[in-house]
Protein backbone atom coordinates (compact mmCIF):
# COMPACT_ATOMS: atom_id res chain seq x y z
CA UNK A 1 139.13 83.03 127.05
CA UNK A 2 138.61 79.91 129.16
CA UNK A 3 138.61 77.41 126.14
CA UNK A 4 135.64 75.65 127.12
CA UNK A 5 132.66 75.08 124.97
CA UNK A 6 129.58 73.09 126.08
CA UNK A 7 127.35 70.98 124.28
CA UNK A 8 124.01 69.79 125.50
CA UNK A 9 123.30 66.50 123.23
CA UNK A 10 120.07 67.23 122.78
CA UNK A 11 117.33 64.36 121.40
CA UNK A 12 118.92 61.22 121.88
CA UNK A 13 116.90 59.47 119.37
CA UNK A 14 117.83 61.97 116.57
CA UNK A 15 120.84 63.25 115.21
CA UNK A 16 122.47 65.59 117.41
CA UNK A 17 124.82 63.01 119.48
CA UNK A 18 125.91 61.96 115.93
CA UNK A 19 126.52 65.44 114.30
CA UNK A 20 128.16 66.52 117.50
CA UNK A 21 130.92 63.68 117.53
CA UNK A 22 131.54 64.31 113.91
CA UNK A 23 131.61 67.65 114.25
CA UNK A 24 134.28 67.58 117.44
CA UNK A 25 136.74 65.06 115.58
CA UNK A 26 136.53 67.62 112.35
CA UNK A 27 137.60 70.61 114.71
CA UNK A 28 139.51 69.00 117.45
CA UNK A 29 143.11 69.75 115.90
CA UNK A 30 142.13 73.19 114.97
CA UNK A 31 142.99 75.11 118.47
CA UNK A 32 143.05 74.11 122.12
CA UNK A 33 139.11 74.25 122.84
CA UNK A 34 137.96 71.53 125.07
CA UNK A 35 134.44 70.09 124.61
CA UNK A 36 132.12 69.23 127.69
CA UNK A 37 129.33 66.96 126.51
CA UNK A 38 125.97 67.38 128.69
CA UNK A 39 123.53 63.69 128.22
CA UNK A 40 124.02 60.21 128.30
CA UNK A 41 127.20 58.78 129.00
CA UNK A 42 126.65 54.95 128.36
CA UNK A 43 124.85 55.87 124.97
CA UNK A 44 127.30 58.60 123.67
CA UNK A 45 130.29 56.08 124.46
CA UNK A 46 128.54 53.11 122.19
CA UNK A 47 127.83 56.07 119.54
CA UNK A 48 131.43 57.12 119.31
CA UNK A 49 132.44 53.20 119.06
CA UNK A 50 129.88 52.36 116.53
CA UNK A 51 130.53 55.63 114.46
CA UNK A 52 134.76 54.42 114.58
CA UNK A 53 135.84 58.28 115.72
CA UNK A 54 139.02 58.37 117.38
CA UNK A 55 138.72 60.73 120.12
CA UNK A 56 139.21 59.87 123.70
CA UNK A 57 136.09 60.49 125.77
CA UNK A 58 136.71 61.67 129.36
CA UNK A 59 134.20 61.51 132.20
CA UNK A 60 133.97 65.29 133.53
CA UNK A 61 135.70 65.71 136.74
CA UNK A 62 136.86 69.85 136.67
CA UNK A 63 137.51 72.29 134.15
CA UNK A 64 141.30 71.80 134.79
CA UNK A 65 141.83 68.08 133.68
CA UNK A 66 143.54 67.24 130.79
CA UNK A 67 142.14 66.27 127.59
CA UNK A 68 140.12 67.49 124.50
CA UNK A 69 136.29 66.17 124.79
CA UNK A 70 134.88 65.23 128.16
CA UNK A 71 130.79 64.05 129.08
CA UNK A 72 128.74 65.20 132.31
CA UNK A 73 126.37 62.51 132.55
CA UNK A 74 123.05 63.30 133.33
CA UNK A 75 121.60 59.84 133.19
CA UNK A 76 120.48 58.60 136.66
CA UNK A 77 120.70 55.13 134.70
CA UNK A 78 121.53 54.05 131.28
CA UNK A 79 119.17 54.77 128.67
CA UNK A 80 117.46 51.43 126.60
CA UNK A 81 120.01 50.97 123.66
CA UNK A 82 117.10 51.21 121.37
CA UNK A 83 114.56 54.24 122.20
CA UNK A 84 111.82 54.64 119.52
CA UNK A 85 111.93 58.31 118.29
CA UNK A 86 111.04 61.08 120.32
CA UNK A 87 110.49 59.02 123.53
CA UNK A 88 109.46 60.76 126.37
CA UNK A 89 113.11 59.49 128.45
CA UNK A 90 115.12 61.05 125.51
CA UNK A 91 112.66 64.44 125.82
CA UNK A 92 113.01 64.63 129.73
CA UNK A 93 117.11 64.08 129.05
CA UNK A 94 117.29 66.76 126.41
CA UNK A 95 115.49 69.58 128.73
CA UNK A 96 117.90 68.48 131.47
CA UNK A 97 120.91 68.73 129.17
CA UNK A 98 119.45 72.31 128.34
CA UNK A 99 118.98 73.27 131.52
CA UNK A 100 122.49 72.23 132.50
CA UNK A 101 124.12 73.88 129.57
CA UNK A 102 122.24 76.95 130.19
CA UNK A 103 123.18 77.37 134.07
CA UNK A 104 126.94 76.54 133.12
CA UNK A 105 126.70 79.50 130.81
CA UNK A 106 124.93 81.53 132.95
CA UNK A 107 127.56 81.09 135.72
CA UNK A 108 130.30 81.85 133.36
CA UNK A 109 131.83 78.62 133.18
CA UNK A 110 132.00 77.96 129.73
CA UNK A 111 132.88 80.39 126.78
CA UNK A 112 129.74 79.01 124.95
CA UNK A 113 127.03 76.27 124.70
CA UNK A 114 126.22 75.16 121.30
CA UNK A 115 122.68 73.21 121.60
CA UNK A 116 121.95 70.34 119.56
CA UNK A 117 118.93 69.73 118.19
CA UNK A 118 115.60 68.91 120.43
CA UNK A 119 111.97 67.80 119.35
CA UNK A 120 109.43 70.02 120.67
CA UNK A 121 106.21 68.16 120.14
CA UNK A 122 107.98 65.34 122.06
CA UNK A 123 109.03 67.29 125.01
CA UNK A 124 105.77 69.23 125.16
CA UNK A 125 104.01 65.07 124.94
CA UNK A 126 106.57 64.61 128.03
CA UNK A 127 104.69 67.18 130.32
CA UNK A 128 107.17 69.98 129.77
CA UNK A 129 105.82 73.92 128.87
CA UNK A 130 108.27 74.59 125.86
CA UNK A 131 107.81 76.65 122.96
CA UNK A 132 111.71 76.36 122.13
CA UNK A 133 115.31 76.46 123.01
CA UNK A 134 115.69 80.23 122.52
CA UNK A 135 112.50 80.51 124.71
CA UNK A 136 113.91 78.51 127.27
CA UNK A 137 117.28 79.84 127.80
CA UNK A 138 115.92 83.25 127.66
CA UNK A 139 113.81 82.57 130.52
CA UNK A 140 116.29 80.65 132.65
CA UNK A 141 118.69 83.64 131.81
CA UNK A 142 116.11 85.94 133.30
CA UNK A 143 115.90 88.22 130.06
CA UNK A 144 113.09 88.93 127.58
CA UNK A 145 115.19 91.07 125.40
CA UNK A 146 116.43 88.21 123.26
CA UNK A 147 116.04 87.33 119.55
CA UNK A 148 116.77 84.89 116.97
CA UNK A 149 119.33 85.45 114.16
CA UNK A 150 119.88 82.72 111.76
CA UNK A 151 123.16 83.01 109.42
CA UNK A 152 125.10 80.99 106.97
CA UNK A 153 126.70 80.73 103.66
CA UNK A 154 126.05 80.09 100.34
CA UNK A 155 127.99 78.03 97.96
CA UNK A 156 129.93 81.17 96.96
CA UNK A 157 130.60 82.26 100.68
CA UNK A 158 128.13 85.42 100.80
CA UNK A 159 126.87 85.29 104.27
CA UNK A 160 123.09 85.97 104.79
CA UNK A 161 122.19 87.10 108.51
CA UNK A 162 118.42 87.52 109.66
CA UNK A 163 117.00 88.29 112.75
CA UNK A 164 113.41 87.80 113.40
CA UNK A 165 111.00 90.10 115.03
CA UNK A 166 108.54 87.32 115.98
CA UNK A 167 109.31 83.86 116.24
CA UNK A 168 107.29 80.67 116.75
CA UNK A 169 103.58 81.81 116.61
CA UNK A 170 101.13 81.04 114.00
CA UNK A 171 100.59 83.01 110.80
CA UNK A 172 97.25 84.43 111.43
CA UNK A 173 98.49 85.95 114.96
CA UNK A 174 101.63 87.86 113.23
CA UNK A 175 99.90 91.21 112.47
CA UNK A 176 98.39 91.21 116.07
CA UNK A 177 101.74 90.29 117.84
CA UNK A 178 104.48 92.18 115.54
CA UNK A 179 104.62 95.31 117.87
CA UNK A 180 106.91 98.24 117.61
CA UNK A 181 108.74 97.03 120.41
CA UNK A 182 109.53 93.43 118.91
CA UNK A 183 110.54 95.37 115.71
CA UNK A 184 113.09 97.93 117.73
CA UNK A 185 114.59 94.80 119.64
CA UNK A 186 115.33 92.69 116.42
CA UNK A 187 117.01 95.74 114.91
CA UNK A 188 118.79 96.79 117.67
CA UNK A 189 120.21 93.45 118.58
CA UNK A 190 120.87 92.76 114.83
CA UNK A 191 123.07 95.65 114.61
CA UNK A 192 124.88 94.44 117.71
CA UNK A 193 125.31 90.83 116.04
CA UNK A 194 127.33 92.46 113.34
CA UNK A 195 129.55 94.49 115.63
CA UNK A 196 129.89 91.10 117.58
CA UNK A 197 130.90 89.39 114.69
CA UNK A 198 133.76 92.47 114.18
CA UNK A 199 132.12 93.48 110.87
CA UNK A 200 133.36 96.66 109.52
CA UNK A 201 129.70 98.26 109.48
CA UNK A 202 126.42 97.22 110.69
CA UNK A 203 123.73 98.06 107.65
CA UNK A 204 120.58 96.49 108.58
CA UNK A 205 117.21 95.78 106.43
CA UNK A 206 114.30 95.57 107.50
CA UNK A 207 111.79 93.83 105.95
CA UNK A 208 108.06 94.65 105.11
CA UNK A 209 104.96 92.22 106.23
CA UNK A 210 102.87 92.32 103.39
CA UNK A 211 103.30 91.48 99.54
CA UNK A 212 105.86 94.36 98.16
CA UNK A 213 105.58 95.82 101.61
CA UNK A 214 102.10 96.79 101.34
CA UNK A 215 101.80 98.64 98.06
CA UNK A 216 101.62 102.17 100.00
CA UNK A 217 98.52 100.67 102.30
CA UNK A 218 97.26 99.10 99.25
CA UNK A 219 97.23 95.32 100.96
CA UNK A 220 98.35 95.82 104.37
CA UNK A 221 98.83 99.05 106.41
CA UNK A 222 101.32 97.47 108.82
CA UNK A 223 104.56 99.22 106.98
CA UNK A 224 102.69 102.62 107.17
CA UNK A 225 101.57 102.09 110.94
CA UNK A 226 104.17 100.13 112.48
CA UNK A 227 107.05 99.21 110.67
CA UNK A 228 108.08 102.41 108.91
CA UNK A 229 108.00 104.60 112.48
CA UNK A 230 110.21 102.12 114.03
CA UNK A 231 112.70 102.74 111.22
CA UNK A 232 112.44 106.32 111.04
CA UNK A 233 112.79 106.10 114.89
CA UNK A 234 115.74 104.35 114.77
CA UNK A 235 117.37 106.22 111.86
CA UNK A 236 117.39 109.30 114.18
CA UNK A 237 119.19 107.52 116.68
CA UNK A 238 122.14 106.73 114.39
CA UNK A 239 121.35 103.22 113.15
CA UNK A 240 121.97 102.32 110.02
CA UNK A 241 118.89 101.00 108.99
CA UNK A 242 116.97 100.97 105.69
CA UNK A 243 113.04 99.78 105.31
CA UNK A 244 110.43 98.50 105.20
CA UNK A 245 111.49 96.78 101.88
CA UNK A 246 109.77 94.14 100.08
CA UNK A 247 110.36 90.75 101.70
CA UNK A 248 110.62 89.14 97.82
CA UNK A 249 113.57 90.97 97.19
CA UNK A 250 115.40 92.40 100.37
CA UNK A 251 116.91 88.91 100.76
CA UNK A 252 118.48 89.26 97.06
CA UNK A 253 120.46 92.23 98.08
CA UNK A 254 121.55 91.26 101.37
CA UNK A 255 123.13 88.11 99.84
CA UNK A 256 125.23 90.36 97.47
CA UNK A 257 126.24 92.63 100.45
CA UNK A 258 124.16 95.61 100.26
CA UNK A 259 123.22 94.83 104.01
CA UNK A 260 124.81 92.79 106.86
CA UNK A 261 121.44 91.70 108.06
CA UNK A 262 118.11 91.63 107.60
CA UNK A 263 115.46 92.03 109.95
CA UNK A 264 112.22 89.49 109.25
CA UNK A 265 108.80 89.90 110.24
CA UNK A 266 107.64 86.30 110.95
CA UNK A 267 109.78 82.72 111.07
CA UNK A 268 109.31 81.45 107.77
CA UNK A 269 109.93 85.09 106.09
CA UNK A 270 113.31 84.47 107.50
CA UNK A 271 114.46 80.88 107.50
CA UNK A 272 112.86 79.95 103.87
CA UNK A 273 115.45 82.34 102.54
CA UNK A 274 118.50 81.23 104.65
CA UNK A 275 117.66 77.54 104.31
CA UNK A 276 117.13 77.99 100.51
CA UNK A 277 121.05 79.12 100.26
CA UNK A 278 122.38 77.48 103.74
CA UNK A 279 120.70 74.29 104.20
CA UNK A 280 123.84 72.41 105.47
CA UNK A 281 125.62 75.38 106.94
CA UNK A 282 123.17 77.33 108.40
CA UNK A 283 123.72 78.13 112.43
CA UNK A 284 120.97 79.49 114.88
CA UNK A 285 122.55 82.20 117.38
CA UNK A 286 120.17 83.47 120.43
CA UNK A 287 120.89 87.30 120.61
CA UNK A 288 120.55 89.25 123.73
CA UNK A 289 121.33 86.09 126.21
CA UNK A 290 124.55 86.89 128.82
CA UNK A 291 126.36 84.25 127.42
CA UNK A 292 127.02 82.96 123.51
CA UNK A 293 124.60 80.24 122.33
CA UNK A 294 124.63 78.90 119.03
CA UNK A 295 122.83 75.53 117.25
CA UNK A 296 122.96 73.95 114.28
CA UNK A 297 120.01 75.14 111.99
CA UNK A 298 118.35 71.78 111.35
CA UNK A 299 116.12 69.74 113.71
CA UNK A 300 116.22 65.75 115.30
CA UNK A 301 115.99 64.17 111.80
CA UNK A 302 114.72 60.96 112.90
CA UNK A 303 114.52 59.68 109.61
CA UNK A 304 117.90 59.30 109.61
CA UNK A 305 119.20 58.77 112.86
CA UNK A 306 121.45 56.01 113.82
CA UNK A 307 122.06 55.14 110.29
CA UNK A 308 125.74 57.09 110.58
CA UNK A 309 124.80 59.73 107.61
CA UNK A 310 123.86 63.11 109.12
CA UNK A 311 125.80 65.61 107.86
CA UNK A 312 127.60 67.65 110.70
CA UNK A 313 127.91 70.80 108.63
CA UNK A 314 125.65 73.08 110.25
CA UNK A 315 127.13 71.91 113.81
CA UNK A 316 130.74 72.40 112.71
CA UNK A 317 129.39 76.01 111.74
CA UNK A 318 127.92 76.69 115.11
CA UNK A 319 130.80 75.55 116.71
CA UNK A 320 133.20 77.68 114.46
CA UNK A 321 131.04 80.56 115.12
CA UNK A 322 130.60 80.10 118.83
CA UNK A 323 134.51 79.96 119.25
CA UNK A 324 134.59 83.24 117.22
CA UNK A 325 132.33 85.38 119.28
CA UNK A 326 133.90 83.96 122.58
CA UNK A 327 137.42 85.19 121.18
CA UNK A 328 135.97 88.26 120.03
CA UNK A 329 134.41 89.20 123.34
CA UNK A 330 137.40 88.13 124.87
CA UNK A 331 139.51 90.85 123.00
CA UNK A 332 137.05 93.09 123.70
CA UNK A 333 137.25 92.94 127.57
CA UNK A 334 140.98 92.95 127.15
CA UNK A 335 140.78 96.33 125.28
CA UNK A 336 138.27 98.14 127.82
């Protein structure tokens, strides 16, 4: 391992910089990891001081520098002290930081990147074509074989891991865009994720699209025409996969440990149960990228930004997962 985690600071008018600094302070003594922040240096220093966090912030000069916390300044000029929520200046900086983090990850300079929250609407208003961080990084890396996995634990320490077959599209367009190729990819990447996590098995549950998985075609036939054939084909290839299973029960069984991951057919089908059990500790992990990327599973939270009360739990979990994945990947390379 290189012991470097890169963190694009996201929308500086949201809680991203705050939860990032709080999380790094919480993790700083855990190991030898160094953290490279990507964003606005002046604003980050001011925030570190206002939060009364005791951790020196060094200007980044190279990967051999001594220290723990560094920042690469991406602001040509210091940002105004009080930017309105969703400011175009903040949106432009968030995109620049995300691009910089992805490029450093692509070049192999970092063990992983952990991206702080951005606001899609403000980025689009600022003139960027932007669907989401997952899609942005996938395009930067030149790959379309990626999927989003959300994971987290409940209060009893039980994990729920959910990969999505479709992501940021409208509900009415899901049936038309839910292809065998997308379902296959989500299952394959979910199984690989289990191996990357070092789990003893990779037992995958596949949710149906319709209520009760269509009741044998009584209301919807996607389970019969698309989802079921994919599951059967992957079973023949040796995957430990079951489905299509009713979406109203499959997450219950996964939380009980009967499955290691669930493949959901659309965004809210997977995220609603995940956030119900791990709202403050959920993690977004982009599967299929050539570099490790995780993120806290929450948004910019403009309503509480600047108040010093943001919960860093999800960012802490995202950093810990990134370090775990990097360690596992490094160990696998040594074995090979």
